[in-house]
Amino acid sequence: MSSVITITDAEFETEVLKSSHPVLVYFWASWCGPCRLVSPSVAWAAENYGDRLKVVKIEVDANRETVAKYKVEGVPALRLIKDNQEIASYEGAIAKPKLASFLDTHLSSC
């Protein structure tokens, strides 16, 4: 069973860009109401896709460098990264069925 890994700007390269698996990056903020709704779905993704996907979360206020690099304009936001490339993105609240569809669509090509 995999869990969501909390990272910072300093850990992004090692945990995401150098990962041998695709990585779902969850951008969130403690003050963000929709983030509280999305967090359980992100944890569900880590548990259910953990055999083929790494899931990390990064807090936007404390990690401006990564937020700027991936052009995160609002939270919650998701970026799917494989082989140092962003292959998909989503901004806004996302329900578990839509998250599953998002992951299934993009992981099938990985």
PDB file of N, CA and C in Angstrom:
ATOM      1  N   MET A   1       0.846  -1.183   0.000  1.00  0.00           N
ATOM      2  CA  MET A   1       0.000   0.000   0.000  1.00  0.00           C
ATOM      3  C   MET A   1       0.887   1.239   0.000  1.00  0.00           C
ATOM      4  N   SER A   2       0.720   2.085  -0.973  1.00  0.00           N
ATOM      5  CA  SER A   2       1.505   3.316  -1.081  1.00  0.00           C
ATOM      6  C   SER A   2       0.761   4.468  -0.421  1.00  0.00           C
ATOM      7  N   SER A   3       1.517   5.464  -0.038  1.00  0.00           N
ATOM      8  CA  SER A   3       0.904   6.652   0.534  1.00  0.00           C
ATOM      9  C   SER A   3       1.437   7.881  -0.184  1.00  0.00           C
ATOM     10  N   VAL A   4       0.789   9.001   0.059  1.00  0.00           N
ATOM     11  CA  VAL A   4       1.202  10.260  -0.536  1.00  0.00           C
ATOM     12  C   VAL A   4       2.442  10.754   0.203  1.00  0.00           C
ATOM     13  N   ILE A   5       3.460  11.144  -0.553  1.00  0.00           N
ATOM     14  CA  ILE A   5       4.725  11.623   0.006  1.00  0.00           C
ATOM     15  C   ILE A   5       4.731  13.149  -0.051  1.00  0.00           C
ATOM     16  N   THR A   6       4.972  13.795   1.072  1.00  0.00           N
ATOM     17  CA  THR A   6       5.062  15.252   1.116  1.00  0.00           C
ATOM     18  C   THR A   6       6.484  15.664   0.754  1.00  0.00           C
ATOM     19  N   ILE A   7       6.595  16.575  -0.229  1.00  0.00           N
ATOM     20  CA  ILE A   7       7.917  17.028  -0.680  1.00  0.00           C
ATOM     21  C   ILE A   7       7.996  18.553  -0.694  1.00  0.00           C
ATOM     22  N   THR A   8       9.218  19.043  -0.919  1.00  0.00           N
ATOM     23  CA  THR A   8       9.486  20.474  -1.032  1.00  0.00           C
ATOM     24  C   THR A   8      10.202  20.735  -2.366  1.00  0.00           C
ATOM     25  N   ASP A   9      10.432  22.008  -2.655  1.00  0.00           N
ATOM     26  CA  ASP A   9      11.206  22.367  -3.852  1.00  0.00           C
ATOM     27  C   ASP A   9      12.526  21.602  -3.900  1.00  0.00           C
ATOM     28  N   ALA A  10      13.202  21.506  -2.762  1.00  0.00           N
ATOM     29  CA  ALA A  10      14.525  20.876  -2.700  1.00  0.00           C
ATOM     30  C   ALA A  10      14.471  19.387  -3.039  1.00  0.00           C
ATOM     31  N   GLU A  11      13.347  18.742  -2.795  1.00  0.00           N
ATOM     32  CA  GLU A  11      13.210  17.301  -3.044  1.00  0.00           C
ATOM     33  C   GLU A  11      12.585  16.977  -4.395  1.00  0.00           C
ATOM     34  N   PHE A  12      12.108  17.999  -5.097  1.00  0.00           N
ATOM     35  CA  PHE A  12      11.350  17.773  -6.328  1.00  0.00           C
ATOM     36  C   PHE A  12      12.141  16.995  -7.379  1.00  0.00           C
ATOM     37  N   GLU A  13      13.378  17.397  -7.607  1.00  0.00           N
ATOM     38  CA  GLU A  13      14.176  16.719  -8.635  1.00  0.00           C
ATOM     39  C   GLU A  13      14.353  15.237  -8.314  1.00  0.00           C
ATOM     40  N   THR A  14      14.725  14.934  -7.092  1.00  0.00           N
ATOM     41  CA  THR A  14      14.964  13.543  -6.695  1.00  0.00           C
ATOM     42  C   THR A  14      13.674  12.721  -6.693  1.00  0.00           C
ATOM     43  N   GLU A  15      12.625  13.250  -6.081  1.00  0.00           N
ATOM     44  CA  GLU A  15      11.382  12.489  -5.905  1.00  0.00           C
ATOM     45  C   GLU A  15      10.528  12.417  -7.165  1.00  0.00           C
ATOM     46  N   VAL A  16      10.611  13.430  -8.017  1.00  0.00           N
ATOM     47  CA  VAL A  16       9.725  13.496  -9.189  1.00  0.00           C
ATOM     48  C   VAL A  16      10.500  13.305 -10.491  1.00  0.00           C
ATOM     49  N   LEU A  17      11.431  14.184 -10.760  1.00  0.00           N
ATOM     50  CA  LEU A  17      12.092  14.175 -12.057  1.00  0.00           C
ATOM     51  C   LEU A  17      12.973  12.949 -12.270  1.00  0.00           C
ATOM     52  N   LYS A  18      13.530  12.394 -11.209  1.00  0.00           N
ATOM     53  CA  LYS A  18      14.391  11.219 -11.334  1.00  0.00           C
ATOM     54  C   LYS A  18      13.665   9.916 -11.001  1.00  0.00           C
ATOM     55  N   SER A  19      12.356   9.972 -10.845  1.00  0.00           N
ATOM     56  CA  SER A  19      11.582   8.779 -10.511  1.00  0.00           C
ATOM     57  C   SER A  19      11.524   7.828 -11.706  1.00  0.00           C
ATOM     58  N   SER A  20      11.592   6.545 -11.419  1.00  0.00           N
ATOM     59  CA  SER A  20      11.493   5.540 -12.485  1.00  0.00           C
ATOM     60  C   SER A  20      10.039   5.270 -12.870  1.00  0.00           C
ATOM     61  N   HIS A  21       9.090   5.781 -12.088  1.00  0.00           N
ATOM     62  CA  HIS A  21       7.658   5.629 -12.355  1.00  0.00           C
ATOM     63  C   HIS A  21       7.054   6.996 -12.669  1.00  0.00           C
ATOM     64  N   PRO A  22       5.908   7.017 -13.328  1.00  0.00           N
ATOM     65  CA  PRO A  22       5.193   8.287 -13.461  1.00  0.00           C
ATOM     66  C   PRO A  22       4.871   8.832 -12.066  1.00  0.00           C
ATOM     67  N   VAL A  23       4.790  10.156 -11.946  1.00  0.00           N
ATOM     68  CA  VAL A  23       4.513  10.778 -10.655  1.00  0.00           C
ATOM     69  C   VAL A  23       3.326  11.727 -10.789  1.00  0.00           C
ATOM     70  N   LEU A  24       2.350  11.556  -9.897  1.00  0.00           N
ATOM     71  CA  LEU A  24       1.248  12.497  -9.793  1.00  0.00           C
ATOM     72  C   LEU A  24       1.638  13.504  -8.721  1.00  0.00           C
ATOM     73  N   VAL A  25       1.769  14.772  -9.127  1.00  0.00           N
ATOM     74  CA  VAL A  25       2.134  15.841  -8.200  1.00  0.00           C
ATOM     75  C   VAL A  25       0.866  16.606  -7.858  1.00  0.00           C
ATOM     76  N   TYR A  26       0.562  16.651  -6.575  1.00  0.00           N
ATOM     77  CA  TYR A  26      -0.634  17.325  -6.061  1.00  0.00           C
ATOM     78  C   TYR A  26      -0.200  18.626  -5.402  1.00  0.00           C
ATOM     79  N   PHE A  27      -0.559  19.754  -6.003  1.00  0.00           N
ATOM     80  CA  PHE A  27      -0.265  21.072  -5.454  1.00  0.00           C
ATOM     81  C   PHE A  27      -1.458  21.478  -4.586  1.00  0.00           C
ATOM     82  N   TRP A  28      -1.180  21.860  -3.339  1.00  0.00           N
ATOM     83  CA  TRP A  28      -2.254  22.152  -2.399  1.00  0.00           C
ATOM     84  C   TRP A  28      -1.849  23.297  -1.468  1.00  0.00           C
ATOM     85  N   ALA A  29      -2.815  23.758  -0.664  1.00  0.00           N
ATOM     86  CA  ALA A  29      -2.557  24.780   0.353  1.00  0.00           C
ATOM     87  C   ALA A  29      -3.444  24.500   1.560  1.00  0.00           C
ATOM     88  N   SER A  30      -2.944  24.809   2.737  1.00  0.00           N
ATOM     89  CA  SER A  30      -3.693  24.539   3.968  1.00  0.00           C
ATOM     90  C   SER A  30      -4.965  25.380   4.058  1.00  0.00           C
ATOM     91  N   TRP A  31      -4.984  26.550   3.437  1.00  0.00           N
ATOM     92  CA  TRP A  31      -6.132  27.445   3.479  1.00  0.00           C
ATOM     93  C   TRP A  31      -7.167  27.145   2.386  1.00  0.00           C
ATOM     94  N   CYS A  32      -6.895  26.151   1.552  1.00  0.00           N
ATOM     95  CA  CYS A  32      -7.722  25.861   0.369  1.00  0.00           C
ATOM     96  C   CYS A  32      -8.838  24.874   0.709  1.00  0.00           C
ATOM     97  N   GLY A  33     -10.083  25.353   0.693  1.00  0.00           N
ATOM     98  CA  GLY A  33     -11.233  24.480   0.960  1.00  0.00           C
ATOM     99  C   GLY A  33     -11.354  23.327  -0.019  1.00  0.00           C
ATOM    100  N   PRO A  34     -11.301  23.573  -1.336  1.00  0.00           N
ATOM    101  CA  PRO A  34     -11.380  22.471  -2.289  1.00  0.00           C
ATOM    102  C   PRO A  34     -10.262  21.437  -2.126  1.00  0.00           C
ATOM    103  N   CYS A  35      -9.095  21.874  -1.629  1.00  0.00           N
ATOM    104  CA  CYS A  35      -7.996  20.926  -1.399  1.00  0.00           C
ATOM    105  C   CYS A  35      -8.394  19.887  -0.353  1.00  0.00           C
ATOM    106  N   ARG A  36      -9.147  20.321   0.663  1.00  0.00           N
ATOM    107  CA  ARG A  36      -9.598  19.381   1.692  1.00  0.00           C
ATOM    108  C   ARG A  36     -10.541  18.347   1.099  1.00  0.00           C
ATOM    109  N   LEU A  37     -11.277  18.718   0.065  1.00  0.00           N
ATOM    110  CA  LEU A  37     -12.172  17.776  -0.601  1.00  0.00           C
ATOM    111  C   LEU A  37     -11.414  16.818  -1.513  1.00  0.00           C
ATOM    112  N   VAL A  38     -10.344  17.287  -2.132  1.00  0.00           N
ATOM    113  CA  VAL A  38      -9.573  16.498  -3.091  1.00  0.00           C
ATOM    114  C   VAL A  38      -8.573  15.566  -2.401  1.00  0.00           C
ATOM    115  N   SER A  39      -8.063  15.952  -1.255  1.00  0.00           N
ATOM    116  CA  SER A  39      -7.025  15.165  -0.576  1.00  0.00           C
ATOM    117  C   SER A  39      -7.371  13.683  -0.399  1.00  0.00           C
ATOM    118  N   PRO A  40      -8.600  13.323   0.011  1.00  0.00           N
ATOM    119  CA  PRO A  40      -8.919  11.892   0.125  1.00  0.00           C
ATOM    120  C   PRO A  40      -8.830  11.153  -1.219  1.00  0.00           C
ATOM    121  N   SER A  41      -9.186  11.808  -2.296  1.00  0.00           N
ATOM    122  CA  SER A  41      -9.093  11.176  -3.620  1.00  0.00           C
ATOM    123  C   SER A  41      -7.640  10.979  -4.032  1.00  0.00           C
ATOM    124  N   VAL A  42      -6.782  11.924  -3.679  1.00  0.00           N
ATOM    125  CA  VAL A  42      -5.360  11.796  -3.980  1.00  0.00           C
ATOM    126  C   VAL A  42      -4.768  10.636  -3.173  1.00  0.00           C
ATOM    127  N   ALA A  43      -5.171  10.512  -1.907  1.00  0.00           N
ATOM    128  CA  ALA A  43      -4.713   9.391  -1.083  1.00  0.00           C
ATOM    129  C   ALA A  43      -5.218   8.069  -1.663  1.00  0.00           C
ATOM    130  N   TRP A  44      -6.453   8.061  -2.141  1.00  0.00           N
ATOM    131  CA  TRP A  44      -7.024   6.871  -2.783  1.00  0.00           C
ATOM    132  C   TRP A  44      -6.192   6.495  -4.018  1.00  0.00           C
ATOM    133  N   ALA A  45      -5.794   7.489  -4.805  1.00  0.00           N
ATOM    134  CA  ALA A  45      -4.973   7.224  -5.993  1.00  0.00           C
ATOM    135  C   ALA A  45      -3.638   6.595  -5.599  1.00  0.00           C
ATOM    136  N   ALA A  46      -3.026   7.091  -4.530  1.00  0.00           N
ATOM    137  CA  ALA A  46      -1.751   6.529  -4.073  1.00  0.00           C
ATOM    138  C   ALA A  46      -1.927   5.063  -3.683  1.00  0.00           C
ATOM    139  N   GLU A  47      -3.027   4.745  -3.024  1.00  0.00           N
ATOM    140  CA  GLU A  47      -3.286   3.367  -2.600  1.00  0.00           C
ATOM    141  C   GLU A  47      -3.610   2.450  -3.775  1.00  0.00           C
ATOM    142  N   ASN A  48      -4.404   2.941  -4.713  1.00  0.00           N
ATOM    143  CA  ASN A  48      -4.905   2.087  -5.786  1.00  0.00           C
ATOM    144  C   ASN A  48      -4.037   2.048  -7.035  1.00  0.00           C
ATOM    145  N   TYR A  49      -3.175   3.031  -7.208  1.00  0.00           N
ATOM    146  CA  TYR A  49      -2.301   3.072  -8.374  1.00  0.00           C
ATOM    147  C   TYR A  49      -0.831   2.973  -7.975  1.00  0.00           C
ATOM    148  N   GLY A  50      -0.574   2.676  -6.714  1.00  0.00           N
ATOM    149  CA  GLY A  50       0.776   2.674  -6.169  1.00  0.00           C
ATOM    150  C   GLY A  50       1.740   1.723  -6.841  1.00  0.00           C
ATOM    151  N   ASP A  51       1.219   0.702  -7.525  1.00  0.00           N
ATOM    152  CA  ASP A  51       2.093  -0.241  -8.212  1.00  0.00           C
ATOM    153  C   ASP A  51       2.676   0.327  -9.501  1.00  0.00           C
ATOM    154  N   ARG A  52       2.070   1.389 -10.019  1.00  0.00           N
ATOM    155  CA  ARG A  52       2.561   1.969 -11.275  1.00  0.00           C
ATOM    156  C   ARG A  52       2.654   3.488 -11.263  1.00  0.00           C
ATOM    157  N   LEU A  53       2.444   4.081 -10.089  1.00  0.00           N
ATOM    158  CA  LEU A  53       2.409   5.535  -9.977  1.00  0.00           C
ATOM    159  C   LEU A  53       2.891   5.958  -8.597  1.00  0.00           C
ATOM    160  N   LYS A  54       3.729   6.974  -8.563  1.00  0.00           N
ATOM    161  CA  LYS A  54       4.150   7.592  -7.301  1.00  0.00           C
ATOM    162  C   LYS A  54       3.301   8.841  -7.124  1.00  0.00           C
ATOM    163  N   VAL A  55       2.843   9.099  -5.910  1.00  0.00           N
ATOM    164  CA  VAL A  55       2.015  10.274  -5.644  1.00  0.00           C
ATOM    165  C   VAL A  55       2.712  11.134  -4.593  1.00  0.00           C
ATOM    166  N   VAL A  56       2.921  12.407  -4.949  1.00  0.00           N
ATOM    167  CA  VAL A  56       3.534  13.354  -4.018  1.00  0.00           C
ATOM    168  C   VAL A  56       2.646  14.583  -3.892  1.00  0.00           C
ATOM    169  N   LYS A  57       2.790  15.273  -2.763  1.00  0.00           N
ATOM    170  CA  LYS A  57       2.084  16.549  -2.613  1.00  0.00           C
ATOM    171  C   LYS A  57       3.069  17.611  -2.202  1.00  0.00           C
ATOM    172  N   ILE A  58       2.809  18.821  -2.695  1.00  0.00           N
ATOM    173  CA  ILE A  58       3.710  19.941  -2.430  1.00  0.00           C
ATOM    174  C   ILE A  58       2.863  21.162  -2.101  1.00  0.00           C
ATOM    175  N   GLU A  59       3.169  21.790  -0.992  1.00  0.00           N
ATOM    176  CA  GLU A  59       2.408  22.936  -0.514  1.00  0.00           C
ATOM    177  C   GLU A  59       2.852  24.173  -1.302  1.00  0.00           C
ATOM    178  N   VAL A  60       1.895  24.890  -1.877  1.00  0.00           N
ATOM    179  CA  VAL A  60       2.237  25.965  -2.819  1.00  0.00           C
ATOM    180  C   VAL A  60       2.902  27.178  -2.180  1.00  0.00           C
ATOM    181  N   ASP A  61       2.473  27.580  -1.001  1.00  0.00           N
ATOM    182  CA  ASP A  61       3.011  28.809  -0.397  1.00  0.00           C
ATOM    183  C   ASP A  61       4.482  28.689  -0.034  1.00  0.00           C
ATOM    184  N   ALA A  62       4.917  27.517   0.364  1.00  0.00           N
ATOM    185  CA  ALA A  62       6.300  27.324   0.802  1.00  0.00           C
ATOM    186  C   ALA A  62       7.227  26.853  -0.317  1.00  0.00           C
ATOM    187  N   ASN A  63       6.688  26.597  -1.491  1.00  0.00           N
ATOM    188  CA  ASN A  63       7.482  26.004  -2.578  1.00  0.00           C
ATOM    189  C   ASN A  63       7.243  26.728  -3.897  1.00  0.00           C
ATOM    190  N   ARG A  64       7.535  28.017  -3.882  1.00  0.00           N
ATOM    191  CA  ARG A  64       7.255  28.897  -5.026  1.00  0.00           C
ATOM    192  C   ARG A  64       8.003  28.517  -6.305  1.00  0.00           C
ATOM    193  N   GLU A  65       9.192  27.970  -6.171  1.00  0.00           N
ATOM    194  CA  GLU A  65       9.995  27.635  -7.348  1.00  0.00           C
ATOM    195  C   GLU A  65       9.277  26.587  -8.223  1.00  0.00           C
ATOM    196  N   THR A  66       8.809  25.522  -7.617  1.00  0.00           N
ATOM    197  CA  THR A  66       8.120  24.469  -8.364  1.00  0.00           C
ATOM    198  C   THR A  66       6.776  24.961  -8.879  1.00  0.00           C
ATOM    199  N   VAL A  67       6.077  25.746  -8.069  1.00  0.00           N
ATOM    200  CA  VAL A  67       4.796  26.321  -8.483  1.00  0.00           C
ATOM    201  C   VAL A  67       4.983  27.153  -9.749  1.00  0.00           C
ATOM    202  N   ALA A  68       6.022  27.979  -9.791  1.00  0.00           N
ATOM    203  CA  ALA A  68       6.289  28.809 -10.963  1.00  0.00           C
ATOM    204  C   ALA A  68       6.687  27.965 -12.169  1.00  0.00           C
ATOM    205  N   LYS A  69       7.540  26.977 -11.949  1.00  0.00           N
ATOM    206  CA  LYS A  69       8.019  26.140 -13.057  1.00  0.00           C
ATOM    207  C   LYS A  69       6.866  25.408 -13.745  1.00  0.00           C
ATOM    208  N   TYR A  70       5.903  24.957 -12.963  1.00  0.00           N
ATOM    209  CA  TYR A  70       4.780  24.194 -13.531  1.00  0.00           C
ATOM    210  C   TYR A  70       3.529  25.038 -13.733  1.00  0.00           C
ATOM    211  N   LYS A  71       3.695  26.358 -13.635  1.00  0.00           N
ATOM    212  CA  LYS A  71       2.648  27.329 -13.947  1.00  0.00           C
ATOM    213  C   LYS A  71       1.328  27.011 -13.243  1.00  0.00           C
ATOM    214  N   VAL A  72       1.437  26.731 -11.947  1.00  0.00           N
ATOM    215  CA  VAL A  72       0.247  26.464 -11.148  1.00  0.00           C
ATOM    216  C   VAL A  72      -0.424  27.800 -10.857  1.00  0.00           C
ATOM    217  N   GLU A  73      -1.641  27.970 -11.344  1.00  0.00           N
ATOM    218  CA  GLU A  73      -2.357  29.225 -11.175  1.00  0.00           C
ATOM    219  C   GLU A  73      -3.414  29.156 -10.090  1.00  0.00           C
ATOM    220  N   GLY A  74      -3.808  27.962  -9.705  1.00  0.00           N
ATOM    221  CA  GLY A  74      -4.803  27.798  -8.656  1.00  0.00           C
ATOM    222  C   GLY A  74      -4.652  26.433  -8.026  1.00  0.00           C
ATOM    223  N   VAL A  75      -5.208  26.292  -6.838  1.00  0.00           N
ATOM    224  CA  VAL A  75      -5.165  25.003  -6.153  1.00  0.00           C
ATOM    225  C   VAL A  75      -6.595  24.557  -5.842  1.00  0.00           C
ATOM    226  N   PRO A  76      -6.800  23.276  -5.803  1.00  0.00           N
ATOM    227  CA  PRO A  76      -5.850  22.201  -6.017  1.00  0.00           C
ATOM    228  C   PRO A  76      -5.447  22.087  -7.487  1.00  0.00           C
ATOM    229  N   ALA A  77      -4.250  21.540  -7.708  1.00  0.00           N
ATOM    230  CA  ALA A  77      -3.756  21.326  -9.063  1.00  0.00           C
ATOM    231  C   ALA A  77      -2.988  20.012  -9.112  1.00  0.00           C
ATOM    232  N   LEU A  78      -3.088  19.343 -10.240  1.00  0.00           N
ATOM    233  CA  LEU A  78      -2.391  18.081 -10.446  1.00  0.00           C
ATOM    234  C   LEU A  78      -1.509  18.188 -11.675  1.00  0.00           C
ATOM    235  N   ARG A  79      -0.336  17.598 -11.589  1.00  0.00           N
ATOM    236  CA  ARG A  79       0.546  17.461 -12.745  1.00  0.00           C
ATOM    237  C   ARG A  79       0.998  16.011 -12.778  1.00  0.00           C
ATOM    238  N   LEU A  80       0.902  15.385 -13.939  1.00  0.00           N
ATOM    239  CA  LEU A  80       1.377  14.021 -14.115  1.00  0.00           C
ATOM    240  C   LEU A  80       2.684  14.101 -14.885  1.00  0.00           C
ATOM    241  N   ILE A  81       3.750  13.600 -14.277  1.00  0.00           N
ATOM    242  CA  ILE A  81       5.102  13.743 -14.839  1.00  0.00           C
ATOM    243  C   ILE A  81       5.720  12.374 -15.044  1.00  0.00           C
ATOM    244  N   LYS A  82       6.265  12.177 -16.233  1.00  0.00           N
ATOM    245  CA  LYS A  82       6.936  10.919 -16.576  1.00  0.00           C
ATOM    246  C   LYS A  82       8.197  11.261 -17.355  1.00  0.00           C
ATOM    247  N   ASP A  83       9.307  10.649 -16.983  1.00  0.00           N
ATOM    248  CA  ASP A  83      10.582  10.874 -17.671  1.00  0.00           C
ATOM    249  C   ASP A  83      10.919  12.355 -17.807  1.00  0.00           C
ATOM    250  N   ASN A  84      10.738  13.100 -16.706  1.00  0.00           N
ATOM    251  CA  ASN A  84      11.097  14.513 -16.650  1.00  0.00           C
ATOM    252  C   ASN A  84      10.203  15.402 -17.512  1.00  0.00           C
ATOM    253  N   GLN A  85       9.067  14.873 -17.975  1.00  0.00           N
ATOM    254  CA  GLN A  85       8.152  15.637 -18.827  1.00  0.00           C
ATOM    255  C   GLN A  85       6.753  15.657 -18.220  1.00  0.00           C
ATOM    256  N   GLU A  86       6.106  16.801 -18.260  1.00  0.00           N
ATOM    257  CA  GLU A  86       4.707  16.878 -17.844  1.00  0.00           C
ATOM    258  C   GLU A  86       3.867  16.277 -18.974  1.00  0.00           C
ATOM    259  N   ILE A  87       3.098  15.235 -18.660  1.00  0.00           N
ATOM    260  CA  ILE A  87       2.285  14.597 -19.699  1.00  0.00           C
ATOM    261  C   ILE A  87       0.809  14.930 -19.567  1.00  0.00           C
ATOM    262  N   ALA A  88       0.397  15.463 -18.413  1.00  0.00           N
ATOM    263  CA  ALA A  88      -0.999  15.859 -18.236  1.00  0.00           C
ATOM    264  C   ALA A  88      -1.095  16.794 -17.040  1.00  0.00           C
ATOM    265  N   SER A  89      -2.143  17.620 -17.039  1.00  0.00           N
ATOM    266  CA  SER A  89      -2.364  18.512 -15.907  1.00  0.00           C
ATOM    267  C   SER A  89      -3.857  18.700 -15.690  1.00  0.00           C
ATOM    268  N   TYR A  90      -4.202  19.098 -14.482  1.00  0.00           N
ATOM    269  CA  TYR A  90      -5.599  19.367 -14.127  1.00  0.00           C
ATOM    270  C   TYR A  90      -5.576  20.390 -13.006  1.00  0.00           C
ATOM    271  N   GLU A  91      -6.421  21.405 -13.106  1.00  0.00           N
ATOM    272  CA  GLU A  91      -6.548  22.386 -12.030  1.00  0.00           C
ATOM    273  C   GLU A  91      -7.993  22.451 -11.593  1.00  0.00           C
ATOM    274  N   GLY A  92      -8.189  22.535 -10.269  1.00  0.00           N
ATOM    275  CA  GLY A  92      -9.522  22.592  -9.691  1.00  0.00           C
ATOM    276  C   GLY A  92      -9.859  21.299  -8.970  1.00  0.00           C
ATOM    277  N   ALA A  93     -10.981  21.338  -8.280  1.00  0.00           N
ATOM    278  CA  ALA A  93     -11.420  20.161  -7.542  1.00  0.00           C
ATOM    279  C   ALA A  93     -11.737  19.036  -8.530  1.00  0.00           C
ATOM    280  N   ILE A  94     -11.415  17.819  -8.133  1.00  0.00           N
ATOM    281  CA  ILE A  94     -11.643  16.663  -8.989  1.00  0.00           C
ATOM    282  C   ILE A  94     -12.186  15.526  -8.120  1.00  0.00           C
ATOM    283  N   ALA A  95     -13.291  14.944  -8.550  1.00  0.00           N
ATOM    284  CA  ALA A  95     -13.896  13.834  -7.820  1.00  0.00           C
ATOM    285  C   ALA A  95     -13.146  12.537  -8.141  1.00  0.00           C
ATOM    286  N   LYS A  96     -13.284  11.567  -7.263  1.00  0.00           N
ATOM    287  CA  LYS A  96     -12.564  10.305  -7.416  1.00  0.00           C
ATOM    288  C   LYS A  96     -12.812   9.638  -8.772  1.00  0.00           C
ATOM    289  N   PRO A  97     -14.063   9.552  -9.277  1.00  0.00           N
ATOM    290  CA  PRO A  97     -14.258   8.908 -10.590  1.00  0.00           C
ATOM    291  C   PRO A  97     -13.530   9.642 -11.731  1.00  0.00           C
ATOM    292  N   LYS A  98     -13.533  10.963 -11.678  1.00  0.00           N
ATOM    293  CA  LYS A  98     -12.852  11.732 -12.727  1.00  0.00           C
ATOM    294  C   LYS A  98     -11.335  11.588 -12.586  1.00  0.00           C
ATOM    295  N   LEU A  99     -10.841  11.526 -11.355  1.00  0.00           N
ATOM    296  CA  LEU A  99      -9.416  11.308 -11.131  1.00  0.00           C
ATOM    297  C   LEU A  99      -9.003   9.942 -11.665  1.00  0.00           C
ATOM    298  N   ALA A 100      -9.813   8.936 -11.415  1.00  0.00           N
ATOM    299  CA  ALA A 100      -9.521   7.590 -11.922  1.00  0.00           C
ATOM    300  C   ALA A 100      -9.474   7.596 -13.448  1.00  0.00           C
ATOM    301  N   SER A 101     -10.417   8.267 -14.074  1.00  0.00           N
ATOM    302  CA  SER A 101     -10.448   8.357 -15.532  1.00  0.00           C
ATOM    303  C   SER A 101      -9.219   9.099 -16.056  1.00  0.00           C
ATOM    304  N   PHE A 102      -8.857  10.198 -15.404  1.00  0.00           N
ATOM    305  CA  PHE A 102      -7.669  10.984 -15.758  1.00  0.00           C
ATOM    306  C   PHE A 102      -6.428  10.092 -15.709  1.00  0.00           C
ATOM    307  N   LEU A 103      -6.268   9.345 -14.620  1.00  0.00           N
ATOM    308  CA  LEU A 103      -5.095   8.487 -14.462  1.00  0.00           C
ATOM    309  C   LEU A 103      -5.113   7.333 -15.453  1.00  0.00           C
ATOM    310  N   ASP A 104      -6.254   6.681 -15.611  1.00  0.00           N
ATOM    311  CA  ASP A 104      -6.354   5.550 -16.540  1.00  0.00           C
ATOM    312  C   ASP A 104      -6.004   5.986 -17.963  1.00  0.00           C
ATOM    313  N   THR A 105      -6.504   7.122 -18.370  1.00  0.00           N
ATOM    314  CA  THR A 105      -6.253   7.640 -19.715  1.00  0.00           C
ATOM    315  C   THR A 105      -4.772   7.875 -19.943  1.00  0.00           C
ATOM    316  N   HIS A 106      -4.120   8.522 -19.005  1.00  0.00           N
ATOM    317  CA  HIS A 106      -2.735   8.922 -19.204  1.00  0.00           C
ATOM    318  C   HIS A 106      -1.719   7.835 -18.841  1.00  0.00           C
ATOM    319  N   LEU A 107      -2.080   6.950 -17.929  1.00  0.00           N
ATOM    320  CA  LEU A 107      -1.141   5.874 -17.572  1.00  0.00           C
ATOM    321  C   LEU A 107      -1.153   4.743 -18.588  1.00  0.00           C
ATOM    322  N   SER A 108      -2.220   4.637 -19.370  1.00  0.00           N
ATOM    323  CA  SER A 108      -2.274   3.580 -20.379  1.00  0.00           C
ATOM    324  C   SER A 108      -1.197   3.763 -21.448  1.00  0.00           C
ATOM    325  N   SER A 109      -0.752   5.012 -21.617  1.00  0.00           N
ATOM    326  CA  SER A 109       0.282   5.285 -22.622  1.00  0.00           C
ATOM    327  C   SER A 109       1.697   5.219 -22.031  1.00  0.00           C
ATOM    328  N   CYS A 110       1.786   4.969 -20.730  1.00  0.00           N
ATOM    329  CA  CYS A 110       3.107   4.928 -20.056  1.00  0.00           C
ATOM    330  C   CYS A 110       3.666   3.525 -20.049  1.00  0.00           C
TER     331      CYS A 110
END
